[in-house]
Amino acid sequence: MPGPGSHRPGHAHLPHLFHMNPTTARAGAFPRPRLRTPLKLHWHADMRTCEIVHPHGSIELNRSAGEILARCDGTRELDDIIGELEARFGVSGLAADVYRFIDEARRLGWID
């Protein structure tokens, strides 16, 4: 599964997510996102990066993307995920970035 940005076969890097321009996406468009089966999220030992592992390889992600996808388990509303991220990192205003990432992850077939 290809991802945005430069990549080599089976690998892709996403841009840093928490410093992007605002978007008009809405939380209602993404109720309770869930990482699609058979994809698995695997954190590297340094906990700065992770990867989505799939039957044909893996897709390398930055920590921001991993933190979002780790919460996409089908039990949380998108607004709850945003609230958790803002509390964890002590920042506000992440909604536009998270909406944009979720939209792209859904387009790429990573989440339902």
PDB file of N, CA and C in Angstrom:
ATOM      1  N   MET A   1       0.843  -1.186   0.000  1.00  0.00           N
ATOM      2  CA  MET A   1       0.000   0.000   0.000  1.00  0.00           C
ATOM      3  C   MET A   1       0.876   1.233   0.000  1.00  0.00           C
ATOM      4  N   PRO A   2       0.846   2.000  -1.026  1.00  0.00           N
ATOM      5  CA  PRO A   2       1.680   3.195  -1.056  1.00  0.00           C
ATOM      6  C   PRO A   2       1.156   4.253  -0.108  1.00  0.00           C
ATOM      7  N   GLY A   3       2.040   5.103   0.313  1.00  0.00           N
ATOM      8  CA  GLY A   3       1.657   6.206   1.187  1.00  0.00           C
ATOM      9  C   GLY A   3       2.185   7.498   0.625  1.00  0.00           C
ATOM     10  N   PRO A   4       1.794   8.606   1.214  1.00  0.00           N
ATOM     11  CA  PRO A   4       2.262   9.889   0.713  1.00  0.00           C
ATOM     12  C   PRO A   4       3.738  10.093   1.006  1.00  0.00           C
ATOM     13  N   GLY A   5       4.368  10.927   0.238  1.00  0.00           N
ATOM     14  CA  GLY A   5       5.771  11.242   0.473  1.00  0.00           C
ATOM     15  C   GLY A   5       6.686  10.289  -0.268  1.00  0.00           C
ATOM     16  N   SER A   6       7.975  10.479  -0.071  1.00  0.00           N
ATOM     17  CA  SER A   6       8.933   9.605  -0.729  1.00  0.00           C
ATOM     18  C   SER A   6       8.862   8.223  -0.103  1.00  0.00           C
ATOM     19  N   HIS A   7       9.098   7.220  -0.919  1.00  0.00           N
ATOM     20  CA  HIS A   7       9.030   5.865  -0.382  1.00  0.00           C
ATOM     21  C   HIS A   7       9.849   4.920  -1.229  1.00  0.00           C
ATOM     22  N   ARG A   8      10.143   3.784  -0.635  1.00  0.00           N
ATOM     23  CA  ARG A   8      10.741   2.679  -1.357  1.00  0.00           C
ATOM     24  C   ARG A   8       9.730   1.551  -1.278  1.00  0.00           C
ATOM     25  N   PRO A   9       9.869   0.501  -2.057  1.00  0.00           N
ATOM     26  CA  PRO A   9       8.858  -0.551  -2.046  1.00  0.00           C
ATOM     27  C   PRO A   9       8.540  -1.019  -0.630  1.00  0.00           C
ATOM     28  N   GLY A  10       7.266  -0.965  -0.292  1.00  0.00           N
ATOM     29  CA  GLY A  10       6.822  -1.429   1.017  1.00  0.00           C
ATOM     30  C   GLY A  10       6.988  -0.430   2.138  1.00  0.00           C
ATOM     31  N   HIS A  11       7.559   0.746   1.884  1.00  0.00           N
ATOM     32  CA  HIS A  11       7.774   1.740   2.933  1.00  0.00           C
ATOM     33  C   HIS A  11       7.319   3.115   2.457  1.00  0.00           C
ATOM     34  N   ALA A  12       6.782   3.894   3.389  1.00  0.00           N
ATOM     35  CA  ALA A  12       6.393   5.272   3.078  1.00  0.00           C
ATOM     36  C   ALA A  12       6.570   6.114   4.320  1.00  0.00           C
ATOM     37  N   HIS A  13       6.883   7.367   4.153  1.00  0.00           N
ATOM     38  CA  HIS A  13       6.999   8.303   5.272  1.00  0.00           C
ATOM     39  C   HIS A  13       5.894   9.337   5.148  1.00  0.00           C
ATOM     40  N   LEU A  14       5.237   9.623   6.245  1.00  0.00           N
ATOM     41  CA  LEU A  14       4.227  10.671   6.258  1.00  0.00           C
ATOM     42  C   LEU A  14       4.854  11.946   6.775  1.00  0.00           C
ATOM     43  N   PRO A  15       4.369  13.093   6.337  1.00  0.00           N
ATOM     44  CA  PRO A  15       4.889  14.353   6.859  1.00  0.00           C
ATOM     45  C   PRO A  15       4.514  14.515   8.321  1.00  0.00           C
ATOM     46  N   HIS A  16       5.244  15.365   9.037  1.00  0.00           N
ATOM     47  CA  HIS A  16       4.888  15.661  10.424  1.00  0.00           C
ATOM     48  C   HIS A  16       3.484  16.241  10.432  1.00  0.00           C
ATOM     49  N   LEU A  17       2.645  15.785  11.332  1.00  0.00           N
ATOM     50  CA  LEU A  17       1.226  16.100  11.261  1.00  0.00           C
ATOM     51  C   LEU A  17       0.773  17.268  12.105  1.00  0.00           C
ATOM     52  N   PHE A  18       1.478  17.625  13.146  1.00  0.00           N
ATOM     53  CA  PHE A  18       0.935  18.570  14.096  1.00  0.00           C
ATOM     54  C   PHE A  18       1.288  20.019  13.791  1.00  0.00           C
ATOM     55  N   HIS A  19       1.728  20.320  12.582  1.00  0.00           N
ATOM     56  CA  HIS A  19       2.016  21.705  12.213  1.00  0.00           C
ATOM     57  C   HIS A  19       1.532  21.983  10.795  1.00  0.00           C
ATOM     58  N   MET A  20       0.301  21.598  10.515  1.00  0.00           N
ATOM     59  CA  MET A  20      -0.256  21.789   9.184  1.00  0.00           C
ATOM     60  C   MET A  20      -1.297  22.907   9.216  1.00  0.00           C
ATOM     61  N   ASN A  21      -1.737  23.325   8.057  1.00  0.00           N
ATOM     62  CA  ASN A  21      -2.759  24.366   7.967  1.00  0.00           C
ATOM     63  C   ASN A  21      -4.132  23.813   8.321  1.00  0.00           C
ATOM     64  N   PRO A  22      -5.045  24.667   8.770  1.00  0.00           N
ATOM     65  CA  PRO A  22      -6.394  24.217   9.119  1.00  0.00           C
ATOM     66  C   PRO A  22      -7.138  23.637   7.917  1.00  0.00           C
ATOM     67  N   THR A  23      -8.126  22.830   8.196  1.00  0.00           N
ATOM     68  CA  THR A  23      -8.965  22.240   7.161  1.00  0.00           C
ATOM     69  C   THR A  23     -10.422  22.364   7.575  1.00  0.00           C
ATOM     70  N   THR A  24     -11.306  22.098   6.671  1.00  0.00           N
ATOM     71  CA  THR A  24     -12.728  22.198   6.986  1.00  0.00           C
ATOM     72  C   THR A  24     -13.347  20.846   7.287  1.00  0.00           C
ATOM     73  N   ALA A  25     -12.542  19.806   7.459  1.00  0.00           N
ATOM     74  CA  ALA A  25     -13.074  18.470   7.761  1.00  0.00           C
ATOM     75  C   ALA A  25     -13.850  18.495   9.069  1.00  0.00           C
ATOM     76  N   ARG A  26     -14.762  17.564   9.213  1.00  0.00           N
ATOM     77  CA  ARG A  26     -15.583  17.497  10.421  1.00  0.00           C
ATOM     78  C   ARG A  26     -15.487  16.116  11.037  1.00  0.00           C
ATOM     79  N   ALA A  27     -15.573  16.056  12.360  1.00  0.00           N
ATOM     80  CA  ALA A  27     -15.472  14.795  13.084  1.00  0.00           C
ATOM     81  C   ALA A  27     -16.568  13.824  12.680  1.00  0.00           C
ATOM     82  N   GLY A  28     -17.762  14.306  12.367  1.00  0.00           N
ATOM     83  CA  GLY A  28     -18.868  13.426  12.024  1.00  0.00           C
ATOM     84  C   GLY A  28     -18.605  12.567  10.801  1.00  0.00           C
ATOM     85  N   ALA A  29     -17.651  12.977   9.968  1.00  0.00           N
ATOM     86  CA  ALA A  29     -17.329  12.205   8.776  1.00  0.00           C
ATOM     87  C   ALA A  29     -16.514  10.958   9.105  1.00  0.00           C
ATOM     88  N   PHE A  30     -15.993  10.854  10.319  1.00  0.00           N
ATOM     89  CA  PHE A  30     -15.125   9.744  10.695  1.00  0.00           C
ATOM     90  C   PHE A  30     -15.544   9.134  12.030  1.00  0.00           C
ATOM     91  N   PRO A  31     -16.749   8.584  12.148  1.00  0.00           N
ATOM     92  CA  PRO A  31     -17.156   8.034  13.436  1.00  0.00           C
ATOM     93  C   PRO A  31     -16.334   6.797  13.791  1.00  0.00           C
ATOM     94  N   ARG A  32     -15.765   6.783  14.958  1.00  0.00           N
ATOM     95  CA  ARG A  32     -15.044   5.635  15.518  1.00  0.00           C
ATOM     96  C   ARG A  32     -14.110   4.938  14.514  1.00  0.00           C
ATOM     97  N   PRO A  33     -13.074   5.634  14.080  1.00  0.00           N
ATOM     98  CA  PRO A  33     -12.153   5.011  13.119  1.00  0.00           C
ATOM     99  C   PRO A  33     -11.478   3.784  13.719  1.00  0.00           C
ATOM    100  N   ARG A  34     -11.166   2.815  12.840  1.00  0.00           N
ATOM    101  CA  ARG A  34     -10.550   1.558  13.271  1.00  0.00           C
ATOM    102  C   ARG A  34      -9.514   1.141  12.231  1.00  0.00           C
ATOM    103  N   LEU A  35      -8.320   0.746  12.715  1.00  0.00           N
ATOM    104  CA  LEU A  35      -7.285   0.239  11.818  1.00  0.00           C
ATOM    105  C   LEU A  35      -7.826  -1.002  11.123  1.00  0.00           C
ATOM    106  N   ARG A  36      -7.719  -1.030   9.831  1.00  0.00           N
ATOM    107  CA  ARG A  36      -8.302  -2.103   9.025  1.00  0.00           C
ATOM    108  C   ARG A  36      -7.533  -3.416   9.209  1.00  0.00           C
ATOM    109  N   THR A  37      -8.263  -4.505   9.310  1.00  0.00           N
ATOM    110  CA  THR A  37      -7.677  -5.842   9.354  1.00  0.00           C
ATOM    111  C   THR A  37      -7.166  -6.161   7.959  1.00  0.00           C
ATOM    112  N   PRO A  38      -6.014  -6.752   7.776  1.00  0.00           N
ATOM    113  CA  PRO A  38      -5.093  -7.376   8.726  1.00  0.00           C
ATOM    114  C   PRO A  38      -3.935  -6.471   9.135  1.00  0.00           C
ATOM    115  N   LEU A  39      -4.075  -5.163   9.001  1.00  0.00           N
ATOM    116  CA  LEU A  39      -2.990  -4.250   9.347  1.00  0.00           C
ATOM    117  C   LEU A  39      -2.719  -4.271  10.847  1.00  0.00           C
ATOM    118  N   LYS A  40      -1.447  -4.155  11.210  1.00  0.00           N
ATOM    119  CA  LYS A  40      -1.031  -4.096  12.617  1.00  0.00           C
ATOM    120  C   LYS A  40      -0.093  -2.909  12.782  1.00  0.00           C
ATOM    121  N   LEU A  41      -0.198  -2.243  13.928  1.00  0.00           N
ATOM    122  CA  LEU A  41       0.691  -1.130  14.247  1.00  0.00           C
ATOM    123  C   LEU A  41       1.809  -1.660  15.131  1.00  0.00           C
ATOM    124  N   HIS A  42       3.051  -1.444  14.718  1.00  0.00           N
ATOM    125  CA  HIS A  42       4.215  -1.923  15.469  1.00  0.00           C
ATOM    126  C   HIS A  42       5.131  -0.740  15.774  1.00  0.00           C
ATOM    127  N   TRP A  43       5.372  -0.498  17.081  1.00  0.00           N
ATOM    128  CA  TRP A  43       6.263   0.588  17.493  1.00  0.00           C
ATOM    129  C   TRP A  43       7.701   0.105  17.501  1.00  0.00           C
ATOM    130  N   HIS A  44       8.620   0.939  17.030  1.00  0.00           N
ATOM    131  CA  HIS A  44      10.049   0.632  17.098  1.00  0.00           C
ATOM    132  C   HIS A  44      10.531   0.856  18.526  1.00  0.00           C
ATOM    133  N   ALA A  45      11.663   0.286  18.872  1.00  0.00           N
ATOM    134  CA  ALA A  45      12.181   0.337  20.245  1.00  0.00           C
ATOM    135  C   ALA A  45      12.346   1.766  20.757  1.00  0.00           C
ATOM    136  N   ASP A  46      12.712   2.699  19.893  1.00  0.00           N
ATOM    137  CA  ASP A  46      12.921   4.085  20.337  1.00  0.00           C
ATOM    138  C   ASP A  46      11.610   4.830  20.601  1.00  0.00           C
ATOM    139  N   MET A  47      10.470   4.246  20.217  1.00  0.00           N
ATOM    140  CA  MET A  47       9.138   4.839  20.392  1.00  0.00           C
ATOM    141  C   MET A  47       8.983   6.183  19.669  1.00  0.00           C
ATOM    142  N   ARG A  48       9.899   6.508  18.771  1.00  0.00           N
ATOM    143  CA  ARG A  48       9.780   7.730  17.979  1.00  0.00           C
ATOM    144  C   ARG A  48       9.125   7.466  16.633  1.00  0.00           C
ATOM    145  N   THR A  49       9.199   6.237  16.195  1.00  0.00           N
ATOM    146  CA  THR A  49       8.602   5.853  14.921  1.00  0.00           C
ATOM    147  C   THR A  49       7.901   4.510  15.083  1.00  0.00           C
ATOM    148  N   CYS A  50       7.037   4.240  14.144  1.00  0.00           N
ATOM    149  CA  CYS A  50       6.347   2.955  14.137  1.00  0.00           C
ATOM    150  C   CYS A  50       6.091   2.588  12.688  1.00  0.00           C
ATOM    151  N   GLU A  51       5.470   1.453  12.491  1.00  0.00           N
ATOM    152  CA  GLU A  51       5.134   1.055  11.143  1.00  0.00           C
ATOM    153  C   GLU A  51       3.816   0.302  11.142  1.00  0.00           C
ATOM    154  N   ILE A  52       3.130   0.420  10.035  1.00  0.00           N
ATOM    155  CA  ILE A  52       1.967  -0.415   9.789  1.00  0.00           C
ATOM    156  C   ILE A  52       2.510  -1.643   9.078  1.00  0.00           C
ATOM    157  N   VAL A  53       2.257  -2.799   9.649  1.00  0.00           N
ATOM    158  CA  VAL A  53       2.693  -4.052   9.038  1.00  0.00           C
ATOM    159  C   VAL A  53       1.490  -4.649   8.321  1.00  0.00           C
ATOM    160  N   HIS A  54       1.701  -5.028   7.069  1.00  0.00           N
ATOM    161  CA  HIS A  54       0.636  -5.637   6.279  1.00  0.00           C
ATOM    162  C   HIS A  54       1.214  -6.820   5.514  1.00  0.00           C
ATOM    163  N   PRO A  55       0.393  -7.656   4.915  1.00  0.00           N
ATOM    164  CA  PRO A  55       0.885  -8.878   4.270  1.00  0.00           C
ATOM    165  C   PRO A  55       1.946  -8.661   3.193  1.00  0.00           C
ATOM    166  N   HIS A  56       2.017  -7.478   2.618  1.00  0.00           N
ATOM    167  CA  HIS A  56       2.961  -7.222   1.529  1.00  0.00           C
ATOM    168  C   HIS A  56       4.160  -6.384   1.942  1.00  0.00           C
ATOM    169  N   GLY A  57       4.324  -6.104   3.218  1.00  0.00           N
ATOM    170  CA  GLY A  57       5.448  -5.296   3.680  1.00  0.00           C
ATOM    171  C   GLY A  57       5.061  -4.428   4.853  1.00  0.00           C
ATOM    172  N   SER A  58       5.637  -3.240   4.890  1.00  0.00           N
ATOM    173  CA  SER A  58       5.342  -2.326   5.987  1.00  0.00           C
ATOM    174  C   SER A  58       5.398  -0.891   5.482  1.00  0.00           C
ATOM    175  N   ILE A  59       4.779  -0.010   6.251  1.00  0.00           N
ATOM    176  CA  ILE A  59       4.739   1.412   5.933  1.00  0.00           C
ATOM    177  C   ILE A  59       5.253   2.145   7.160  1.00  0.00           C
ATOM    178  N   GLU A  60       6.376   2.821   7.019  1.00  0.00           N
ATOM    179  CA  GLU A  60       6.988   3.528   8.137  1.00  0.00           C
ATOM    180  C   GLU A  60       6.236   4.833   8.415  1.00  0.00           C
ATOM    181  N   LEU A  61       5.953   5.081   9.699  1.00  0.00           N
ATOM    182  CA  LEU A  61       5.210   6.267  10.112  1.00  0.00           C
ATOM    183  C   LEU A  61       5.989   7.044  11.161  1.00  0.00           C
ATOM    184  N   ASN A  62       5.746   8.329  11.250  1.00  0.00           N
ATOM    185  CA  ASN A  62       6.334   9.106  12.333  1.00  0.00           C
ATOM    186  C   ASN A  62       5.499   8.925  13.601  1.00  0.00           C
ATOM    187  N   ARG A  63       5.969   9.452  14.693  1.00  0.00           N
ATOM    188  CA  ARG A  63       5.290   9.272  15.980  1.00  0.00           C
ATOM    189  C   ARG A  63       3.886   9.864  15.974  1.00  0.00           C
ATOM    190  N   SER A  64       3.723  11.016  15.357  1.00  0.00           N
ATOM    191  CA  SER A  64       2.409  11.656  15.316  1.00  0.00           C
ATOM    192  C   SER A  64       1.376  10.744  14.668  1.00  0.00           C
ATOM    193  N   ALA A  65       1.725  10.182  13.531  1.00  0.00           N
ATOM    194  CA  ALA A  65       0.817   9.264  12.841  1.00  0.00           C
ATOM    195  C   ALA A  65       0.539   8.038  13.700  1.00  0.00           C
ATOM    196  N   GLY A  66       1.580   7.515  14.343  1.00  0.00           N
ATOM    197  CA  GLY A  66       1.403   6.349  15.206  1.00  0.00           C
ATOM    198  C   GLY A  66       0.501   6.629  16.385  1.00  0.00           C
ATOM    199  N   GLU A  67       0.659   7.799  16.992  1.00  0.00           N
ATOM    200  CA  GLU A  67      -0.178   8.157  18.144  1.00  0.00           C
ATOM    201  C   GLU A  67      -1.650   8.236  17.735  1.00  0.00           C
ATOM    202  N   ILE A  68      -1.909   8.733  16.547  1.00  0.00           N
ATOM    203  CA  ILE A  68      -3.294   8.789  16.067  1.00  0.00           C
ATOM    204  C   ILE A  68      -3.811   7.382  15.801  1.00  0.00           C
ATOM    205  N   LEU A  69      -3.069   6.609  15.007  1.00  0.00           N
ATOM    206  CA  LEU A  69      -3.539   5.272  14.640  1.00  0.00           C
ATOM    207  C   LEU A  69      -3.662   4.338  15.834  1.00  0.00           C
ATOM    208  N   ALA A  70      -2.816   4.524  16.846  1.00  0.00           N
ATOM    209  CA  ALA A  70      -2.902   3.677  18.038  1.00  0.00           C
ATOM    210  C   ALA A  70      -4.258   3.822  18.719  1.00  0.00           C
ATOM    211  N   ARG A  71      -4.907   4.942  18.509  1.00  0.00           N
ATOM    212  CA  ARG A  71      -6.211   5.198  19.133  1.00  0.00           C
ATOM    213  C   ARG A  71      -7.379   4.841  18.212  1.00  0.00           C
ATOM    214  N   CYS A  72      -7.067   4.435  17.005  1.00  0.00           N
ATOM    215  CA  CYS A  72      -8.112   4.058  16.041  1.00  0.00           C
ATOM    216  C   CYS A  72      -8.442   2.575  16.210  1.00  0.00           C
ATOM    217  N   ASP A  73      -9.185   2.292  17.275  1.00  0.00           N
ATOM    218  CA  ASP A  73      -9.520   0.904  17.599  1.00  0.00           C
ATOM    219  C   ASP A  73     -11.013   0.621  17.491  1.00  0.00           C
ATOM    220  N   GLY A  74     -11.762   1.576  16.955  1.00  0.00           N
ATOM    221  CA  GLY A  74     -13.193   1.400  16.782  1.00  0.00           C
ATOM    222  C   GLY A  74     -14.025   1.692  18.015  1.00  0.00           C
ATOM    223  N   THR A  75     -13.383   2.072  19.125  1.00  0.00           N
ATOM    224  CA  THR A  75     -14.124   2.339  20.362  1.00  0.00           C
ATOM    225  C   THR A  75     -14.238   3.826  20.672  1.00  0.00           C
ATOM    226  N   ARG A  76     -13.445   4.663  20.008  1.00  0.00           N
ATOM    227  CA  ARG A  76     -13.409   6.095  20.313  1.00  0.00           C
ATOM    228  C   ARG A  76     -13.956   6.911  19.147  1.00  0.00           C
ATOM    229  N   GLU A  77     -14.716   7.933  19.477  1.00  0.00           N
ATOM    230  CA  GLU A  77     -15.116   8.928  18.483  1.00  0.00           C
ATOM    231  C   GLU A  77     -13.872   9.748  18.139  1.00  0.00           C
ATOM    232  N   LEU A  78     -13.841  10.322  16.960  1.00  0.00           N
ATOM    233  CA  LEU A  78     -12.682  11.104  16.545  1.00  0.00           C
ATOM    234  C   LEU A  78     -12.427  12.280  17.485  1.00  0.00           C
ATOM    235  N   ASP A  79     -13.473  12.925  17.959  1.00  0.00           N
ATOM    236  CA  ASP A  79     -13.279  14.030  18.901  1.00  0.00           C
ATOM    237  C   ASP A  79     -12.622  13.557  20.198  1.00  0.00           C
ATOM    238  N   ASP A  80     -12.919  12.326  20.634  1.00  0.00           N
ATOM    239  CA  ASP A  80     -12.271  11.772  21.830  1.00  0.00           C
ATOM    240  C   ASP A  80     -10.786  11.528  21.576  1.00  0.00           C
ATOM    241  N   ILE A  81     -10.458  11.024  20.389  1.00  0.00           N
ATOM    242  CA  ILE A  81      -9.053  10.804  20.020  1.00  0.00           C
ATOM    243  C   ILE A  81      -8.311  12.137  20.041  1.00  0.00           C
ATOM    244  N   ILE A  82      -8.905  13.157  19.461  1.00  0.00           N
ATOM    245  CA  ILE A  82      -8.281  14.483  19.439  1.00  0.00           C
ATOM    246  C   ILE A  82      -8.067  14.982  20.861  1.00  0.00           C
ATOM    247  N   GLY A  83      -9.066  14.847  21.715  1.00  0.00           N
ATOM    248  CA  GLY A  83      -8.941  15.264  23.114  1.00  0.00           C
ATOM    249  C   GLY A  83      -7.825  14.533  23.840  1.00  0.00           C
ATOM    250  N   GLU A  84      -7.702  13.229  23.604  1.00  0.00           N
ATOM    251  CA  GLU A  84      -6.626  12.451  24.228  1.00  0.00           C
ATOM    252  C   GLU A  84      -5.261  12.938  23.767  1.00  0.00           C
ATOM    253  N   LEU A  85      -5.120  13.194  22.480  1.00  0.00           N
ATOM    254  CA  LEU A  85      -3.841  13.665  21.945  1.00  0.00           C
ATOM    255  C   LEU A  85      -3.482  15.042  22.499  1.00  0.00           C
ATOM    256  N   GLU A  86      -4.450  15.935  22.548  1.00  0.00           N
ATOM    257  CA  GLU A  86      -4.182  17.273  23.077  1.00  0.00           C
ATOM    258  C   GLU A  86      -3.794  17.205  24.549  1.00  0.00           C
ATOM    259  N   ALA A  87      -4.431  16.335  25.319  1.00  0.00           N
ATOM    260  CA  ALA A  87      -4.081  16.179  26.734  1.00  0.00           C
ATOM    261  C   ALA A  87      -2.700  15.547  26.884  1.00  0.00           C
ATOM    262  N   ARG A  88      -2.414  14.523  26.094  1.00  0.00           N
ATOM    263  CA  ARG A  88      -1.125  13.822  26.204  1.00  0.00           C
ATOM    264  C   ARG A  88       0.050  14.740  25.884  1.00  0.00           C
ATOM    265  N   PHE A  89      -0.111  15.575  24.867  1.00  0.00           N
ATOM    266  CA  PHE A  89       0.999  16.422  24.431  1.00  0.00           C
ATOM    267  C   PHE A  89       0.905  17.853  24.942  1.00  0.00           C
ATOM    268  N   GLY A  90      -0.130  18.167  25.717  1.00  0.00           N
ATOM    269  CA  GLY A  90      -0.251  19.494  26.312  1.00  0.00           C
ATOM    270  C   GLY A  90      -0.399  20.609  25.300  1.00  0.00           C
ATOM    271  N   VAL A  91      -1.113  20.327  24.220  1.00  0.00           N
ATOM    272  CA  VAL A  91      -1.341  21.324  23.175  1.00  0.00           C
ATOM    273  C   VAL A  91      -2.826  21.354  22.836  1.00  0.00           C
ATOM    274  N   SER A  92      -3.226  22.393  22.125  1.00  0.00           N
ATOM    275  CA  SER A  92      -4.601  22.455  21.638  1.00  0.00           C
ATOM    276  C   SER A  92      -4.567  22.747  20.148  1.00  0.00           C
ATOM    277  N   GLY A  93      -5.706  22.617  19.511  1.00  0.00           N
ATOM    278  CA  GLY A  93      -5.786  22.954  18.096  1.00  0.00           C
ATOM    279  C   GLY A  93      -5.308  21.871  17.149  1.00  0.00           C
ATOM    280  N   LEU A  94      -5.345  20.604  17.566  1.00  0.00           N
ATOM    281  CA  LEU A  94      -4.887  19.517  16.700  1.00  0.00           C
ATOM    282  C   LEU A  94      -5.972  18.989  15.769  1.00  0.00           C
ATOM    283  N   ALA A  95      -7.199  19.436  15.953  1.00  0.00           N
ATOM    284  CA  ALA A  95      -8.325  18.851  15.218  1.00  0.00           C
ATOM    285  C   ALA A  95      -8.107  18.848  13.705  1.00  0.00           C
ATOM    286  N   ALA A  96      -7.728  19.956  13.123  1.00  0.00           N
ATOM    287  CA  ALA A  96      -7.572  20.023  11.666  1.00  0.00           C
ATOM    288  C   ALA A  96      -6.529  19.034  11.172  1.00  0.00           C
ATOM    289  N   ASP A  97      -5.414  18.921  11.901  1.00  0.00           N
ATOM    290  CA  ASP A  97      -4.361  17.991  11.499  1.00  0.00           C
ATOM    291  C   ASP A  97      -4.825  16.545  11.601  1.00  0.00           C
ATOM    292  N   VAL A  98      -5.531  16.232  12.674  1.00  0.00           N
ATOM    293  CA  VAL A  98      -6.006  14.860  12.866  1.00  0.00           C
ATOM    294  C   VAL A  98      -7.061  14.523  11.815  1.00  0.00           C
ATOM    295  N   TYR A  99      -7.991  15.443  11.544  1.00  0.00           N
ATOM    296  CA  TYR A  99      -8.989  15.192  10.501  1.00  0.00           C
ATOM    297  C   TYR A  99      -8.306  14.908   9.167  1.00  0.00           C
ATOM    298  N   ARG A 100      -7.311  15.726   8.837  1.00  0.00           N
ATOM    299  CA  ARG A 100      -6.611  15.566   7.564  1.00  0.00           C
ATOM    300  C   ARG A 100      -5.910  14.212   7.502  1.00  0.00           C
ATOM    301  N   PHE A 101      -5.249  13.834   8.595  1.00  0.00           N
ATOM    302  CA  PHE A 101      -4.559  12.546   8.608  1.00  0.00           C
ATOM    303  C   PHE A 101      -5.557  11.390   8.480  1.00  0.00           C
ATOM    304  N   ILE A 102      -6.656  11.448   9.223  1.00  0.00           N
ATOM    305  CA  ILE A 102      -7.660  10.384   9.165  1.00  0.00           C
ATOM    306  C   ILE A 102      -8.239  10.283   7.757  1.00  0.00           C
ATOM    307  N   ASP A 103      -8.477  11.415   7.127  1.00  0.00           N
ATOM    308  CA  ASP A 103      -8.983  11.416   5.757  1.00  0.00           C
ATOM    309  C   ASP A 103      -7.999  10.716   4.827  1.00  0.00           C
ATOM    310  N   GLU A 104      -6.720  11.027   4.956  1.00  0.00           N
ATOM    311  CA  GLU A 104      -5.696  10.402   4.116  1.00  0.00           C
ATOM    312  C   GLU A 104      -5.550   8.916   4.444  1.00  0.00           C
ATOM    313  N   ALA A 105      -5.569   8.565   5.718  1.00  0.00           N
ATOM    314  CA  ALA A 105      -5.462   7.152   6.119  1.00  0.00           C
ATOM    315  C   ALA A 105      -6.643   6.354   5.570  1.00  0.00           C
ATOM    316  N   ARG A 106      -7.814   6.941   5.594  1.00  0.00           N
ATOM    317  CA  ARG A 106      -8.986   6.259   5.028  1.00  0.00           C
ATOM    318  C   ARG A 106      -8.834   6.126   3.514  1.00  0.00           C
ATOM    319  N   ARG A 107      -8.374   7.171   2.847  1.00  0.00           N
ATOM    320  CA  ARG A 107      -8.174   7.118   1.396  1.00  0.00           C
ATOM    321  C   ARG A 107      -7.181   6.024   1.008  1.00  0.00           C
ATOM    322  N   LEU A 108      -6.151   5.843   1.847  1.00  0.00           N
ATOM    323  CA  LEU A 108      -5.132   4.829   1.586  1.00  0.00           C
ATOM    324  C   LEU A 108      -5.571   3.423   1.994  1.00  0.00           C
ATOM    325  N   GLY A 109      -6.741   3.318   2.621  1.00  0.00           N
ATOM    326  CA  GLY A 109      -7.241   2.004   3.010  1.00  0.00           C
ATOM    327  C   GLY A 109      -6.698   1.489   4.321  1.00  0.00           C
ATOM    328  N   TRP A 110      -6.140   2.384   5.147  1.00  0.00           N
ATOM    329  CA  TRP A 110      -5.583   1.957   6.429  1.00  0.00           C
ATOM    330  C   TRP A 110      -6.633   1.822   7.510  1.00  0.00           C
ATOM    331  N   ILE A 111      -7.709   2.613   7.426  1.00  0.00           N
ATOM    332  CA  ILE A 111      -8.741   2.573   8.464  1.00  0.00           C
ATOM    333  C   ILE A 111     -10.125   2.447   7.842  1.00  0.00           C
ATOM    334  N   ASP A 112     -11.025   1.910   8.642  1.00  0.00           N
ATOM    335  CA  ASP A 112     -12.449   1.819   8.278  1.00  0.00           C
ATOM    336  C   ASP A 112     -13.169   2.978   8.909  1.00  0.00           C
TER     337      ASP A 112
END
